[in-house]
Protein backbone atom coordinates (compact mmCIF):
# COMPACT_ATOMS: atom_id res chain seq x y z
CA MET A 1 -11.51 -20.92 7.11
CA GLY A 2 -11.82 -24.26 5.23
CA LYS A 3 -9.35 -27.08 5.29
CA ILE A 4 -6.41 -26.63 2.88
CA ASN A 5 -4.89 -29.65 1.10
CA PHE A 6 -1.39 -28.60 0.13
CA GLY A 7 -0.56 -29.41 -3.45
CA LYS A 8 -3.41 -31.98 -3.77
CA LEU A 9 -5.36 -31.94 -7.02
CA ASP A 10 -9.12 -32.69 -7.32
CA VAL A 11 -9.10 -35.86 -9.52
CA ASP A 12 -12.85 -35.67 -10.19
CA LYS A 13 -12.48 -32.13 -11.31
CA ILE A 14 -9.73 -33.20 -13.74
CA LYS A 15 -11.94 -35.92 -15.19
CA GLU A 16 -14.95 -33.67 -15.37
CA LYS A 17 -13.14 -30.96 -17.36
CA LYS A 18 -10.76 -33.32 -19.11
CA LYS A 19 -7.86 -31.04 -18.22
CA SER A 20 -4.36 -32.06 -17.49
CA GLU A 21 -2.96 -31.96 -14.00
CA LEU A 22 -0.82 -29.04 -15.02
CA GLN A 23 -3.89 -27.15 -16.39
CA ILE A 24 -5.77 -27.75 -13.18
CA ALA A 25 -2.86 -26.73 -11.05
CA THR A 26 -2.36 -23.51 -12.92
CA ASP A 27 -6.12 -22.76 -12.59
CA GLN A 28 -5.83 -23.30 -8.93
CA ILE A 29 -2.74 -21.08 -8.72
CA GLN A 30 -4.67 -18.21 -10.33
CA ASP A 31 -7.46 -18.72 -7.75
CA ARG A 32 -4.91 -18.57 -4.96
CA ILE A 33 -3.30 -15.47 -6.53
CA LYS A 34 -6.68 -13.72 -6.46
CA GLU A 35 -7.35 -14.70 -2.87
CA THR A 36 -3.84 -13.66 -1.85
CA ASN A 37 -4.38 -10.29 -3.46
CA GLN A 38 -7.64 -9.74 -1.66
CA LEU A 39 -5.98 -10.58 1.63
CA ILE A 40 -3.08 -8.14 0.96
CA VAL A 41 -5.75 -5.35 0.43
CA GLU A 42 -7.44 -6.38 3.66
CA LEU A 43 -4.06 -6.53 5.41
CA GLY A 44 -3.46 -2.97 4.25
CA GLU A 45 -6.70 -1.78 5.79
CA TYR A 46 -5.84 -3.25 9.19
CA THR A 47 -2.20 -2.06 9.13
CA ASN A 48 -3.49 1.43 8.50
CA ASN A 49 -5.67 1.24 11.52
CA LEU A 50 -2.88 -0.17 13.64
CA ASN A 51 -0.42 2.53 12.49
CA GLU A 52 -2.87 5.27 13.41
CA LYS A 53 -3.47 3.85 16.87
CA ILE A 54 0.19 3.43 17.63
CA GLU A 55 0.79 7.01 16.59
CA GLU A 56 -2.02 8.16 18.94
CA LEU A 57 -0.62 6.24 21.89
CA GLN A 58 2.84 7.58 21.10
CA ALA A 59 1.54 11.14 21.23
CA GLN A 60 0.14 10.47 24.71
CA PHE A 61 3.43 8.97 25.83
CA ASP A 62 5.41 11.91 24.49
CA ALA A 63 3.31 14.32 26.59
CA ILE A 64 4.30 12.64 29.83
CA ARG A 65 7.22 14.21 31.76
CA ASN A 66 10.00 12.45 33.58
CA VAL A 67 9.61 9.04 31.77
CA LYS A 68 12.49 6.65 32.22
CA SER A 69 15.15 6.89 29.54
CA GLY A 70 14.90 3.25 28.63
CA GLU A 71 11.22 3.57 27.88
CA LYS A 72 11.86 6.77 25.93
CA GLN A 73 14.38 4.95 23.81
CA ILE A 74 11.92 2.14 23.00
CA CYS A 75 9.33 4.69 22.01
CA GLU A 76 11.80 6.43 19.73
CA GLU A 77 12.68 3.12 18.07
CA VAL A 78 8.92 2.41 17.51
CA LYS A 79 8.65 5.90 15.80
CA GLN A 80 11.53 4.95 13.50
CA ILE A 81 9.88 1.61 12.60
CA ARG A 82 6.67 3.36 11.71
CA GLU A 83 8.46 6.06 9.82
CA ASN A 84 10.34 3.44 7.77
CA TRP A 85 7.04 1.72 6.93
CA VAL A 86 5.35 4.99 5.92
CA THR A 87 8.29 5.77 3.68
CA GLN A 88 8.04 2.43 1.87
CA VAL A 89 4.27 2.88 1.52
CA ARG A 90 4.80 6.30 -0.10
CA LYS A 91 7.34 4.85 -2.58
CA ILE A 92 4.96 2.18 -3.59
CA LYS A 93 2.14 4.68 -4.07
CA LYS A 94 4.40 6.77 -6.22
CA GLU A 95 5.30 3.74 -8.39
CA TYR A 96 1.58 3.00 -8.80
CA GLU A 97 1.06 6.41 -10.22
CA GLN A 98 3.93 6.05 -12.59
CA MET A 99 2.71 2.66 -13.75
CA LYS A 100 -0.67 4.19 -14.55
CA ILE A 101 1.11 6.57 -16.96
CA ASN A 102 3.43 3.92 -18.42
CA ASN A 103 0.62 1.44 -19.13
CA VAL A 104 -1.43 3.86 -21.26
CA GLY A 105 -1.85 2.72 -24.83
CA VAL A 106 0.36 -0.47 -24.66
CA GLY A 107 -2.12 -2.95 -26.06
CA VAL A 108 -4.75 -5.30 -24.76
CA ALA A 109 -2.48 -6.97 -22.12
CA GLY A 110 -1.20 -3.56 -21.06
CA VAL A 111 -4.77 -2.26 -20.71
CA GLY A 112 -5.48 -5.27 -18.57
CA ALA A 113 -2.55 -4.53 -16.37
CA GLY A 114 -3.48 -0.75 -16.32
CA VAL A 115 -7.00 -1.67 -15.00
CA ALA A 116 -5.31 -3.62 -12.24
CA VAL A 117 -3.22 -0.55 -11.34
CA ALA A 118 -6.18 1.73 -11.36
CA SER A 119 -8.28 -0.57 -9.26
CA MET A 120 -5.82 -0.68 -6.36
CA GLY A 121 -6.69 1.65 -3.56
CA PRO A 122 -4.13 3.27 -1.17
CA THR A 123 -4.46 0.55 1.35
CA PHE A 124 -3.08 -1.94 -1.16
CA ALA A 125 0.32 -0.09 -0.93
CA MET A 126 0.20 -0.55 2.78
CA GLY A 127 -0.48 -4.30 2.41
CA VAL A 128 2.32 -4.67 -0.09
CA ALA A 129 4.79 -2.84 2.20
CA THR A 130 3.97 -5.24 5.05
CA THR A 131 3.81 -8.34 2.79
CA PHE A 132 7.31 -7.84 1.47
CA GLY A 133 8.66 -6.29 4.71
CA VAL A 134 10.59 -3.13 5.53
CA ALA A 135 14.17 -3.15 6.84
CA SER A 136 15.52 -0.89 9.52
CA THR A 137 16.90 1.35 6.73
CA GLY A 138 13.38 1.99 5.42
CA ALA A 139 14.06 -0.01 2.28
CA ALA A 140 12.27 -3.14 1.25
CA ILE A 141 13.61 -6.04 3.34
CA SER A 142 14.24 -8.28 0.34
CA SER A 143 16.13 -7.40 -2.83
CA LEU A 144 12.90 -5.86 -4.17
CA SER A 145 12.83 -2.14 -4.32
CA GLY A 146 9.60 -0.29 -3.79
CA ALA A 147 9.19 -0.12 -7.53
CA ALA A 148 9.74 -3.78 -8.06
CA ALA A 149 7.50 -4.80 -5.18
CA SER A 150 4.63 -2.70 -6.34
CA SER A 151 5.00 -3.73 -10.01
CA ALA A 152 5.40 -7.41 -9.17
CA ALA A 153 2.40 -7.28 -6.78
CA LEU A 154 0.23 -5.67 -9.43
CA ALA A 155 1.33 -7.97 -12.22
CA TRP A 156 1.37 -11.18 -10.26
CA LEU A 157 -0.40 -10.99 -6.94
CA GLY A 158 -2.87 -8.46 -8.37
CA GLY A 159 -3.49 -10.77 -11.33
CA GLY A 160 -2.49 -8.19 -13.93
CA ALA A 161 -3.26 -9.08 -17.54
CA LEU A 162 -4.09 -12.74 -16.54
CA ALA A 163 -6.91 -11.64 -14.22
CA ALA A 164 -8.24 -9.32 -16.95
CA GLY A 165 -9.08 -12.30 -19.09
CA GLY A 166 -6.03 -13.85 -20.57
CA GLY A 167 -3.75 -12.34 -23.19
CA GLY A 168 -1.71 -15.38 -24.06
CA ILE A 169 1.99 -14.74 -24.67
CA ALA A 170 1.40 -10.98 -24.30
CA ALA A 171 0.13 -11.58 -20.75
CA GLY A 172 3.34 -13.37 -19.81
CA GLU A 173 5.47 -10.72 -21.51
CA VAL A 174 3.78 -7.82 -19.76
CA LEU A 175 3.91 -9.65 -16.51
CA LEU A 176 7.61 -10.19 -16.63
CA ALA A 177 8.41 -6.75 -18.04
CA MET A 178 6.32 -4.96 -15.41
CA ALA A 179 8.22 -6.79 -12.66
CA GLY A 180 11.60 -5.68 -13.98
CA PRO A 181 14.89 -7.48 -13.39
CA VAL A 182 14.97 -7.22 -9.56
CA GLY A 183 11.36 -8.26 -9.43
CA TRP A 184 11.91 -11.48 -11.27
CA GLY A 185 12.23 -13.47 -8.12
CA ILE A 186 8.52 -12.84 -7.62
CA ALA A 187 7.55 -12.91 -11.26
CA ALA A 188 9.27 -16.19 -11.97
CA GLY A 189 6.49 -18.53 -10.72
CA ALA A 190 3.96 -16.64 -12.88
CA ALA A 191 5.58 -18.06 -15.96
CA VAL A 192 4.04 -21.44 -15.16
CA VAL A 193 0.56 -19.83 -15.30
CA CYS A 194 1.22 -19.04 -18.99
CA VAL A 195 3.13 -22.16 -19.74
CA GLY A 196 0.59 -23.42 -22.29
CA VAL A 197 1.31 -20.40 -24.47
CA LEU A 198 4.83 -19.57 -23.56
CA TRP A 199 6.10 -22.79 -24.97
CA LYS A 200 5.10 -22.69 -28.65
CA LYS A 201 5.71 -26.31 -29.81
CA LYS A 202 3.24 -28.88 -28.39
CA SER A 203 6.13 -31.41 -28.23
CA ASP A 204 8.15 -29.05 -26.00
CA TYR A 205 5.15 -28.50 -23.77
CA LYS A 206 4.56 -32.24 -23.44
CA ASN A 207 8.18 -33.11 -22.70
CA LEU A 208 8.49 -30.37 -20.15
CA GLU A 209 5.08 -30.85 -18.55
CA ARG A 210 6.43 -32.82 -15.68
CA ILE A 211 8.88 -29.99 -14.79
CA PHE A 212 6.19 -27.35 -14.87
CA LEU A 213 3.74 -29.52 -12.92
CA ASP A 214 6.42 -29.72 -10.19
CA ILE A 215 6.75 -25.90 -10.28
CA ALA A 216 3.04 -25.47 -10.20
CA LEU A 217 2.50 -27.74 -7.24
CA ARG A 218 5.37 -26.02 -5.41
CA ASP A 219 3.83 -22.58 -5.99
CA LEU A 220 0.37 -23.88 -5.20
CA LYS A 221 1.63 -24.87 -1.79
CA LYS A 222 3.40 -21.54 -1.35
CA TYR A 223 0.23 -19.57 -1.99
CA GLU A 224 -1.79 -21.80 0.32
CA LEU A 225 0.82 -21.20 3.06
CA ALA A 226 0.73 -17.47 2.35
CA ILE A 227 -3.06 -17.38 2.63
CA VAL A 228 -2.83 -19.01 6.05
CA GLU A 229 -0.07 -16.64 7.15
CA LEU A 230 -1.96 -13.61 5.94
CA HIS A 231 -5.08 -14.66 7.87
CA GLU A 232 -3.00 -15.11 10.96
CA ARG A 233 -1.28 -11.76 10.51
CA ILE A 234 -4.62 -9.98 10.08
CA THR A 235 -6.06 -11.60 13.22
CA LYS A 236 -2.96 -10.66 15.26
CA ILE A 237 -3.18 -7.09 14.01
CA ILE A 238 -6.84 -6.78 14.88
CA ASP A 239 -6.09 -8.12 18.41
CA GLU A 240 -3.09 -5.74 18.90
CA THR A 241 -5.10 -2.76 17.65
CA ASP A 242 -7.84 -3.46 20.19
CA LYS A 243 -5.26 -3.66 22.96
CA ILE A 244 -3.79 -0.27 21.94
CA LYS A 245 -7.23 1.32 21.82
CA ASP A 246 -7.69 0.16 25.47
CA ALA A 247 -4.26 1.48 26.35
CA ILE A 248 -5.10 4.90 24.84
CA GLY A 249 -8.10 5.16 27.11
CA ASP A 250 -6.10 3.89 30.12
CA VAL A 251 -3.16 6.26 29.69
CA LYS A 252 -5.45 9.33 29.63
CA THR A 253 -6.20 8.64 33.34
CA PHE A 254 -2.55 8.47 34.38
CA GLY A 255 -1.78 12.18 34.25
CA LEU A 256 1.15 13.91 32.62
CA ASP A 257 3.94 13.39 35.23
CA TYR A 258 5.55 10.00 35.55
CA ASN A 259 6.79 10.72 39.10
CA SER A 260 3.23 11.50 40.20
CA MET A 261 1.96 8.09 38.94
CA THR A 262 1.32 5.13 41.23
CA GLU A 263 3.75 2.17 41.02
CA THR A 264 1.04 0.19 39.25
CA GLN A 265 0.46 2.97 36.73
CA GLN A 266 4.24 3.23 36.08
CA TYR A 267 4.47 -0.57 35.51
CA THR A 268 1.39 -0.46 33.27
CA LEU A 269 2.83 2.40 31.19
CA GLY A 270 6.01 0.34 30.64
CA ALA A 271 3.91 -2.58 29.48
CA TYR A 272 2.18 -0.34 27.02
CA VAL A 273 5.52 0.86 25.61
CA ASN A 274 6.43 -2.83 24.94
CA LEU A 275 2.96 -3.32 23.43
CA MET A 276 3.72 -0.51 20.94
CA ASN A 277 7.03 -2.12 20.09
CA SER A 278 5.55 -5.54 19.39
CA SER A 279 2.70 -4.06 17.43
CA ALA A 280 4.98 -2.00 15.25
CA GLN A 281 6.83 -5.23 14.20
CA LEU A 282 3.59 -6.44 12.64
CA LEU A 283 3.84 -3.52 10.20
CA VAL A 284 7.29 -4.40 8.85
CA ASN A 285 7.83 -8.20 9.21
CA PRO A 286 7.34 -9.87 5.84
CA ILE A 287 4.91 -12.75 4.98
CA ILE A 288 7.43 -15.53 4.90
CA ALA A 289 5.76 -17.72 2.37
CA LEU A 290 5.97 -14.96 -0.28
CA LYS A 291 9.64 -14.16 0.13
CA GLU A 292 11.99 -14.92 -2.76
CA LYS A 293 13.53 -18.33 -2.53
CA TYR A 294 16.64 -17.21 -4.36
CA THR A 295 17.89 -13.62 -3.84
CA GLN A 296 20.65 -11.39 -4.99
CA GLU A 297 22.38 -12.13 -1.66
CA ASP A 298 22.27 -15.89 -2.49
CA TYR A 299 23.86 -15.13 -5.86
CA ASN A 300 26.60 -13.05 -4.26
CA GLU A 301 27.44 -15.90 -1.90
CA TYR A 302 27.68 -18.22 -4.83
CA ALA A 303 29.99 -15.69 -6.61
CA LEU A 304 32.29 -15.60 -3.58
CA TRP A 305 32.35 -19.33 -3.33
CA ASP A 306 33.54 -19.65 -6.88
CA GLY A 307 34.90 -16.13 -7.25
CA LYS A 308 37.56 -16.77 -9.92
CA LYS A 309 35.15 -18.67 -12.12
CA ILE A 310 32.44 -15.97 -11.81
CA LYS A 311 34.99 -13.17 -12.33
CA ASP A 312 36.17 -14.61 -15.59
CA ASN A 313 32.84 -15.95 -16.66
CA PRO A 314 30.89 -13.87 -19.26
CA TYR A 315 27.67 -15.01 -17.53
CA LYS A 316 28.30 -12.64 -14.62
CA ARG A 317 26.55 -10.10 -16.88
CA TYR A 318 23.40 -12.15 -16.56
CA LYS A 319 23.07 -12.10 -12.77
CA ASN A 320 19.46 -10.95 -12.86
CA GLN A 321 18.52 -13.57 -15.43
CA ILE A 322 20.25 -16.23 -13.28
CA ILE A 323 18.29 -15.06 -10.24
CA PHE A 324 15.03 -15.20 -12.16
CA LEU A 325 15.66 -18.69 -13.54
CA SER A 326 16.87 -19.89 -10.10
CA ASN A 327 13.58 -18.82 -8.55
CA LEU A 328 11.69 -20.50 -11.39
CA PHE A 329 13.44 -23.84 -10.95
CA TYR A 330 14.35 -24.06 -7.27
CA ASP A 331 13.40 -27.36 -5.60
CA VAL A 332 12.73 -28.87 -9.06
CA GLU A 333 14.80 -31.89 -10.30
CA ILE A 334 15.88 -31.61 -13.91
CA ASN A 335 17.88 -34.32 -15.64
CA ALA A 336 20.34 -33.80 -18.42
CA ASN A 337 17.88 -34.56 -21.20
CA GLU A 338 15.29 -32.27 -19.73
CA LYS A 339 17.86 -29.50 -19.27
CA LYS A 340 18.62 -29.66 -22.97
CA MET A 341 14.98 -29.55 -23.99
CA LEU A 342 14.37 -26.71 -21.50
CA CYS A 343 17.22 -24.65 -22.93
CA ASN A 344 15.96 -25.20 -26.53
CA SER A 345 12.48 -24.30 -25.55
CA LEU A 346 13.51 -21.10 -23.85
CA LYS A 347 15.55 -20.19 -26.90
CA LYS A 348 12.40 -20.43 -29.09
CA ASN A 349 10.34 -18.11 -26.90
CA GLU A 350 11.12 -14.66 -28.30
CA LYS A 351 8.69 -12.82 -26.03
CA MET A 352 10.18 -14.31 -22.83
CA LEU A 353 13.77 -13.64 -24.10
CA GLU A 354 12.81 -10.05 -24.76
CA ALA A 355 11.31 -9.68 -21.32
CA MET A 356 14.45 -11.20 -19.72
CA LYS A 357 16.62 -8.88 -21.80
CA ILE A 358 18.70 -11.74 -23.18
CA LYS A 359 19.51 -12.78 -26.77
CA LYS A 360 18.65 -16.15 -28.30
CA GLU A 361 22.24 -17.20 -28.66
CA GLU A 362 23.03 -16.23 -25.04
CA MET A 363 20.34 -18.59 -23.71
CA ASN A 364 22.48 -21.69 -23.92
CA ASP A 365 23.51 -24.80 -22.02
CA ASN A 366 26.27 -22.93 -20.09
CA LEU A 367 23.78 -20.41 -18.68
CA VAL A 368 21.38 -23.20 -17.62
CA ASP A 369 24.40 -25.04 -16.10
CA VAL A 370 25.26 -21.90 -14.06
CA VAL A 371 21.65 -21.90 -12.73
CA SER A 372 21.84 -25.55 -11.86
CA GLU A 373 25.17 -25.04 -10.07
CA THR A 374 24.09 -22.06 -8.02
CA LEU A 375 20.90 -23.95 -6.93
CA TYR A 376 23.03 -26.92 -5.98
CA TYR A 377 25.38 -24.73 -4.00
CA GLN A 378 22.46 -23.08 -2.18
CA LYS A 379 20.98 -26.45 -1.30
CA GLU A 380 24.29 -27.66 0.05
CA LEU A 381 24.46 -24.54 2.26
CA GLU A 382 20.97 -25.25 3.57
CA ASN A 383 21.76 -28.87 4.30
CA ASN A 384 24.95 -27.92 6.20
CA SER A 385 23.36 -25.15 8.22
């Protein structure tokens, strides 16, 4: 794999095409999105192979009599991990099918998104389940449900209407709408890809260009880290799958009675149980670089910290919008003048307001102040931890 320069822009390329740094950065983000999506599909193929081999080794283990209770317990835990992962994969597949139906006849951008849905094979659902992680309950490990994970992945990681050849404001609208409120943590960064059309007035775009360049460079680094992490996960899964294949052949020679095995065989069988356990974790542990930076749990902590204010504050109604905007602007410095311009610019974007399910008059300084405050609180927690 070639060398990655985090957040570094090709100056010669900028001069050659006479594009702004922001335009170059958003082009690079789209390239990284496509590469990330391809790796998620590849990840799904390898997780499928790994899951099948773990299941085969488990079946051999279950057939052995008189196995120690501790090893049996680990094996049962591995079964639960796999079942949770399979459950999440099925949920995502179901949402894919529903999205195919929902995207019929919704315009050019919707058709683009529909093509993305139709083109995703079953292994993509497996890749998405692993990418976003699966908790011990079988639910998605982050605040994303199976529906949100699948729609956000299709609209953003899958390229959606953007990958289908543009679509302007419609592309941004469909992208946000497909992700839905709980998926906005993932969809937030996609707004910067459409920044040239989402902000209608050229003066707004120019004044806010620095903010969105910071967002673009932040997300560019995130995708590059995700690409490295996905490659590493795939390599690890291939290695673990090969080890389990060897274990399957080995265990066949041990017989079906634990008490009749040699001490070496018993020890080796225990090692294979631990191998199954570590391998199963590769199915459900999320890709860290793609996790939401600001979650519903973060917002809940903020609400507890300033409980009275949140309780009496009408903006508690806009929790999902606050989470979306917090993900969009985390780690980005915005001064008072820029905050005012940003708020005015957001007000003027009817399509984005519609996708966020918020009225023009509700997108005001107070809401932006709440976003700034909750991000400040989160940063203070991080600094003190």
